[in-house]
């Protein structure tokens, strides 16, 4: 999860598989309620409209990304409850008291409105609630019992929406705080990890420097003249330190040994790192190291320039080998030669 862009929908896992399973259960419930309403309906096909509208709203609720919920889906959900309720009420008897299941669109649509509140569209949810109450009032007025009768049957649906509103105004700021704290914690952990890695790298380099340079430095401090072999070793230590600064990615034992052996033969070696290998896999790195070692071992006199290219280049590594002849070797991002 991308913490920087996480929302309350992510906190509640609104787009997860369990949420989609809940939407499927919601759809099945709508179908069952519609089937139980069918025996009391004068015309049955409007019941299918109510089911389709409710199911579409539930699917959009768990499928549509964005926080708050985008305007168009939110607007469609606002009208979904009124459409579903009207589709059922116009085909059932004026007095649903003997069969209260006929009022199922109000309960199912209220569920959608509650989650609209959670997803940041509280005003749209209340507009949807108002539209459903208007539908109920008009239905009861036109069929005889009067507006108050329809409002009395459906006004209780406002309770869950009110709780959803309170919950939204509580959860949404809390979600932002949670993800902000998580982001800061991850940044702190990343900074600590980077600092620890830097300290570890420094200790490794200091240990390597101590092992290779200390004996020579002590020999120099003693004041005694250096013999030819010691002067060569001083040059090798200096070259290795230079390689470590210019091309740390190539500082592995096999390359170090091959470079030291080639330098003892008088081969001039330059290593450069522009970071194309930073994201390379261990297998690719090993393949590159083998190619570098082969190139260093192949030169008896002359020079070898090994350069790790910038990431955007077609090749990953180039080697310019000047010995008995001049060769340019290119290694691709898969660790294989692409040119010679």
Foldseek 3Di string as FASTA:
>chain_A
DPLVPDFLCVVVVLQPPVVVVVLVVLLVVLVVLLVVCVVQFQDRPLSVVLSVLLSVLSCCRSPQDDALGDDVSLLSLLCSLLSSQLSQLVGGALDCVVPLSSRVSLVSSLVSLLSNLLRPNLVSSVSSLVSNLVSQQVSNCVNPNHSVVSCVSRVVSVVSSVVSNVVNVVSRVVSVVVSVVVVVVVVVVVVVVVVVVVVVVVVVVVVVCCVQPVVLVVVVVVVDDDDPVSVLSVVLSVVLVVCCVFPVLLPDVLLSVLVSVLVVLVEAEAEHEQDLCVPADPVLSVLQNVVNSVLSVVANYYYKYKYQDHNVDQFGIWIWHDHPHTDIWTAGSSNHTDGD
